[in-house]
Every structure is written in structure tokens, then in C-alpha cells.
N, C-alpha and C. Protein backbone atom coordinates (compact mmCIF):
# COMPACT_ATOMS: atom_id res chain seq x y z
N UNK A 1 -71.58 43.39 -26.21
CA UNK A 1 -72.09 42.79 -25.00
C UNK A 1 -72.27 43.88 -23.96
N UNK A 2 -73.49 44.08 -23.53
CA UNK A 2 -73.80 45.10 -22.54
C UNK A 2 -73.73 44.50 -21.14
N UNK A 3 -73.05 45.20 -20.26
CA UNK A 3 -72.97 44.76 -18.87
C UNK A 3 -74.15 45.30 -18.09
N UNK A 4 -74.66 44.50 -17.19
CA UNK A 4 -75.74 44.96 -16.33
C UNK A 4 -75.22 45.94 -15.28
N UNK A 5 -76.14 46.53 -14.57
CA UNK A 5 -75.79 47.54 -13.57
C UNK A 5 -74.90 46.96 -12.48
N UNK A 6 -75.27 45.78 -11.95
CA UNK A 6 -74.48 45.17 -10.87
C UNK A 6 -73.09 44.75 -11.36
N UNK A 7 -73.02 44.24 -12.56
CA UNK A 7 -71.72 43.84 -13.12
C UNK A 7 -70.82 45.07 -13.30
N UNK A 8 -71.41 46.17 -13.78
CA UNK A 8 -70.62 47.40 -13.95
C UNK A 8 -70.13 47.91 -12.60
N UNK A 9 -70.95 47.81 -11.56
CA UNK A 9 -70.53 48.25 -10.23
C UNK A 9 -69.38 47.40 -9.72
N UNK A 10 -69.46 46.10 -9.93
CA UNK A 10 -68.37 45.22 -9.49
C UNK A 10 -67.08 45.51 -10.25
N UNK A 11 -67.17 45.66 -11.56
CA UNK A 11 -65.98 45.96 -12.36
C UNK A 11 -65.39 47.31 -11.98
N UNK A 12 -66.23 48.29 -11.70
CA UNK A 12 -65.73 49.60 -11.28
C UNK A 12 -64.96 49.49 -9.98
N UNK A 13 -65.46 48.68 -9.06
CA UNK A 13 -64.76 48.49 -7.79
C UNK A 13 -63.41 47.81 -8.00
N UNK A 14 -63.37 46.79 -8.85
CA UNK A 14 -62.10 46.11 -9.15
C UNK A 14 -61.12 47.07 -9.81
N UNK A 15 -61.61 47.85 -10.74
CA UNK A 15 -60.74 48.80 -11.44
C UNK A 15 -60.16 49.83 -10.46
N UNK A 16 -61.00 50.35 -9.56
CA UNK A 16 -60.53 51.36 -8.63
C UNK A 16 -59.61 50.80 -7.55
N UNK A 17 -59.88 49.60 -7.07
CA UNK A 17 -59.08 49.04 -5.98
C UNK A 17 -57.82 48.32 -6.44
N UNK A 18 -57.83 47.77 -7.64
CA UNK A 18 -56.67 47.02 -8.13
C UNK A 18 -56.01 47.74 -9.30
N UNK A 19 -56.79 48.09 -10.30
CA UNK A 19 -56.23 48.66 -11.52
C UNK A 19 -55.63 50.04 -11.35
N UNK A 20 -56.28 50.90 -10.59
CA UNK A 20 -55.78 52.26 -10.43
C UNK A 20 -54.44 52.31 -9.69
N UNK A 21 -54.26 51.59 -8.58
CA UNK A 21 -52.93 51.60 -7.96
C UNK A 21 -51.84 51.04 -8.86
N UNK A 22 -52.15 50.02 -9.63
CA UNK A 22 -51.16 49.48 -10.57
C UNK A 22 -50.83 50.52 -11.63
N UNK A 23 -51.82 51.25 -12.10
CA UNK A 23 -51.60 52.28 -13.10
C UNK A 23 -50.77 53.44 -12.53
N UNK A 24 -51.01 53.79 -11.28
CA UNK A 24 -50.24 54.87 -10.64
C UNK A 24 -48.77 54.48 -10.55
N UNK A 25 -48.50 53.25 -10.13
CA UNK A 25 -47.12 52.78 -10.05
C UNK A 25 -46.48 52.78 -11.44
N UNK A 26 -47.22 52.35 -12.44
CA UNK A 26 -46.69 52.35 -13.81
C UNK A 26 -46.41 53.77 -14.29
N UNK A 27 -47.29 54.72 -13.98
CA UNK A 27 -47.10 56.11 -14.40
C UNK A 27 -45.88 56.72 -13.72
N UNK A 28 -45.71 56.48 -12.44
CA UNK A 28 -44.55 57.01 -11.71
C UNK A 28 -43.27 56.39 -12.25
N UNK A 29 -43.30 55.10 -12.54
CA UNK A 29 -42.13 54.44 -13.11
C UNK A 29 -41.80 55.01 -14.48
N UNK A 30 -42.82 55.27 -15.29
CA UNK A 30 -42.60 55.85 -16.62
C UNK A 30 -41.96 57.22 -16.52
N UNK A 31 -42.45 58.07 -15.63
CA UNK A 31 -41.88 59.41 -15.48
C UNK A 31 -40.48 59.33 -14.88
N UNK A 32 -40.24 58.35 -14.03
CA UNK A 32 -38.91 58.18 -13.43
C UNK A 32 -37.86 57.79 -14.47
N UNK A 33 -38.30 57.15 -15.55
CA UNK A 33 -37.36 56.78 -16.61
C UNK A 33 -36.82 57.99 -17.35
N UNK A 34 -37.54 59.13 -17.28
CA UNK A 34 -37.15 60.34 -18.00
C UNK A 34 -36.21 61.21 -17.16
N UNK A 35 -35.76 60.74 -16.01
CA UNK A 35 -34.84 61.48 -15.13
C UNK A 35 -35.40 62.81 -14.67
N UNK A 36 -36.52 62.81 -14.03
CA UNK A 36 -37.14 63.98 -13.38
C UNK A 36 -37.17 65.21 -14.28
N UNK A 37 -38.21 65.31 -15.11
CA UNK A 37 -38.34 66.49 -15.97
C UNK A 37 -38.66 67.73 -15.15
N UNK A 38 -38.66 68.91 -15.77
CA UNK A 38 -39.05 70.12 -15.04
C UNK A 38 -40.47 69.98 -14.46
N UNK A 39 -40.74 70.75 -13.40
CA UNK A 39 -41.97 70.58 -12.63
C UNK A 39 -43.23 70.69 -13.48
N UNK A 40 -43.32 71.72 -14.33
CA UNK A 40 -44.53 71.90 -15.14
C UNK A 40 -44.72 70.78 -16.15
N UNK A 41 -43.64 70.28 -16.71
CA UNK A 41 -43.73 69.16 -17.65
C UNK A 41 -44.16 67.89 -16.91
N UNK A 42 -43.60 67.68 -15.73
CA UNK A 42 -43.98 66.52 -14.92
C UNK A 42 -45.47 66.60 -14.53
N UNK A 43 -45.92 67.78 -14.15
CA UNK A 43 -47.32 67.97 -13.81
C UNK A 43 -48.22 67.69 -15.01
N UNK A 44 -47.82 68.18 -16.18
CA UNK A 44 -48.60 67.94 -17.40
C UNK A 44 -48.65 66.45 -17.74
N UNK A 45 -47.56 65.76 -17.53
CA UNK A 45 -47.54 64.31 -17.79
C UNK A 45 -48.50 63.59 -16.87
N UNK A 46 -48.46 63.92 -15.57
CA UNK A 46 -49.35 63.25 -14.62
C UNK A 46 -50.82 63.59 -14.87
N UNK A 47 -51.11 64.81 -15.22
CA UNK A 47 -52.50 65.19 -15.53
C UNK A 47 -52.97 64.44 -16.78
N UNK A 48 -52.12 64.40 -17.79
CA UNK A 48 -52.48 63.67 -19.02
C UNK A 48 -52.69 62.19 -18.76
N UNK A 49 -51.80 61.58 -18.00
CA UNK A 49 -51.97 60.16 -17.68
C UNK A 49 -53.17 59.94 -16.77
N UNK A 50 -53.50 60.93 -15.95
CA UNK A 50 -54.68 60.82 -15.09
C UNK A 50 -55.96 60.76 -15.89
N UNK A 51 -56.05 61.52 -16.98
CA UNK A 51 -57.22 61.45 -17.84
C UNK A 51 -57.18 60.20 -18.73
N UNK A 52 -55.99 59.82 -19.14
CA UNK A 52 -55.83 58.70 -20.07
C UNK A 52 -56.31 57.38 -19.49
N UNK A 53 -56.10 57.15 -18.19
CA UNK A 53 -56.48 55.86 -17.61
C UNK A 53 -57.99 55.66 -17.62
N UNK A 54 -58.75 56.73 -17.52
CA UNK A 54 -60.21 56.61 -17.41
C UNK A 54 -60.90 56.45 -18.77
N UNK A 55 -60.27 56.82 -19.85
CA UNK A 55 -60.92 56.77 -21.15
C UNK A 55 -61.45 55.39 -21.53
N UNK A 56 -60.67 54.32 -21.37
CA UNK A 56 -61.21 53.01 -21.77
C UNK A 56 -62.35 52.52 -20.87
N UNK A 57 -62.49 53.10 -19.68
CA UNK A 57 -63.47 52.61 -18.71
C UNK A 57 -64.68 53.52 -18.56
N UNK A 58 -64.87 54.46 -19.46
CA UNK A 58 -66.00 55.39 -19.36
C UNK A 58 -67.33 54.67 -19.28
N UNK A 59 -67.52 53.65 -20.11
CA UNK A 59 -68.81 52.97 -20.14
C UNK A 59 -69.08 52.21 -18.84
N UNK A 60 -68.04 51.82 -18.13
CA UNK A 60 -68.24 51.11 -16.86
C UNK A 60 -68.64 52.08 -15.77
N UNK A 61 -68.00 53.24 -15.71
CA UNK A 61 -68.25 54.19 -14.63
C UNK A 61 -69.49 55.05 -14.85
N UNK A 62 -70.00 55.10 -16.05
CA UNK A 62 -71.15 55.95 -16.34
C UNK A 62 -72.40 55.43 -15.62
N UNK A 63 -72.97 56.26 -14.75
CA UNK A 63 -74.20 55.92 -14.07
C UNK A 63 -74.04 55.10 -12.81
N UNK A 64 -72.82 54.83 -12.37
CA UNK A 64 -72.60 53.99 -11.19
C UNK A 64 -73.08 54.68 -9.92
N UNK A 65 -72.99 55.99 -9.84
CA UNK A 65 -73.41 56.71 -8.65
C UNK A 65 -74.91 56.90 -8.53
N UNK A 66 -75.63 56.54 -9.57
CA UNK A 66 -77.09 56.69 -9.57
C UNK A 66 -77.73 55.46 -8.93
N UNK A 67 -78.96 55.59 -8.46
CA UNK A 67 -79.67 54.41 -7.94
C UNK A 67 -79.86 53.37 -9.04
N UNK A 68 -79.97 52.12 -8.63
CA UNK A 68 -80.14 51.04 -9.59
C UNK A 68 -81.42 51.28 -10.40
N UNK A 69 -81.34 51.19 -11.74
CA UNK A 69 -82.50 51.49 -12.58
C UNK A 69 -83.71 50.60 -12.30
N UNK A 70 -83.50 49.36 -11.95
CA UNK A 70 -84.60 48.43 -11.73
C UNK A 70 -84.96 48.27 -10.26
N UNK A 71 -84.47 49.13 -9.40
CA UNK A 71 -84.69 48.98 -7.95
C UNK A 71 -86.17 49.09 -7.60
N UNK A 72 -86.89 50.00 -8.21
CA UNK A 72 -88.31 50.17 -7.91
C UNK A 72 -89.16 49.03 -8.44
N UNK A 73 -88.70 48.38 -9.49
CA UNK A 73 -89.48 47.31 -10.11
C UNK A 73 -89.32 45.98 -9.37
N UNK A 74 -88.16 45.75 -8.73
CA UNK A 74 -87.90 44.44 -8.12
C UNK A 74 -88.56 44.26 -6.76
N UNK A 75 -88.80 45.34 -6.01
CA UNK A 75 -89.35 45.16 -4.67
C UNK A 75 -90.87 45.28 -4.63
N UNK A 76 -91.52 45.44 -5.77
CA UNK A 76 -92.96 45.45 -5.83
C UNK A 76 -93.62 46.76 -5.44
N UNK A 77 -92.86 47.79 -5.21
CA UNK A 77 -93.43 49.08 -4.84
C UNK A 77 -93.64 49.92 -6.09
N UNK A 78 -94.60 50.82 -5.98
CA UNK A 78 -94.88 51.73 -7.08
C UNK A 78 -93.86 52.86 -7.05
N UNK A 79 -93.01 53.02 -8.07
CA UNK A 79 -91.97 54.06 -8.05
C UNK A 79 -92.52 55.47 -8.14
N UNK A 80 -93.79 55.64 -8.52
CA UNK A 80 -94.34 56.99 -8.66
C UNK A 80 -94.83 57.56 -7.33
N UNK A 81 -94.81 56.75 -6.27
CA UNK A 81 -95.32 57.23 -4.97
C UNK A 81 -94.24 57.98 -4.26
């Protein structure tokens, strides 16, 4: 099932405003369970978890910063001008 551009934008907003803070709290709680590892190990854990959260959502975030693909077609203007 392919999501449209507007649906992907909405889901990206939900993920960033709700999902990311929840994930950050979960990551901090997970690292806190290990009783404060050495600084470099803790940094590596946070960097790894920082990349890990985005992997399942790559298809949603891809192309969100670009203009809407059908924007030129919907308003009746010639996109080549």
C-alpha cells in the first residue's frame, strides 16, 4: 500500500512530534538500566539508537522536503513556465 504525498507528510509530523520524544525517553531509560556506562560507550549507544529509530520510517520521510509532485498539475498552470 503506497501512501500519498499528503499522507506521508502527516505521518512524518506525527512521528516527529509524538513518536520521537517517546523513543528518546525509551532510549534514555534503556541506557539508565545499564548503570551509566563509560562516556564513549554511552555515546555509541545513543548514536546507534539515533540511527535505529529512523530505519523503519525511511519510506515516509523520503521526499517530504521536496515540493508536492502534483502541485503544478492541480492549479492549472503550466509547470514548464
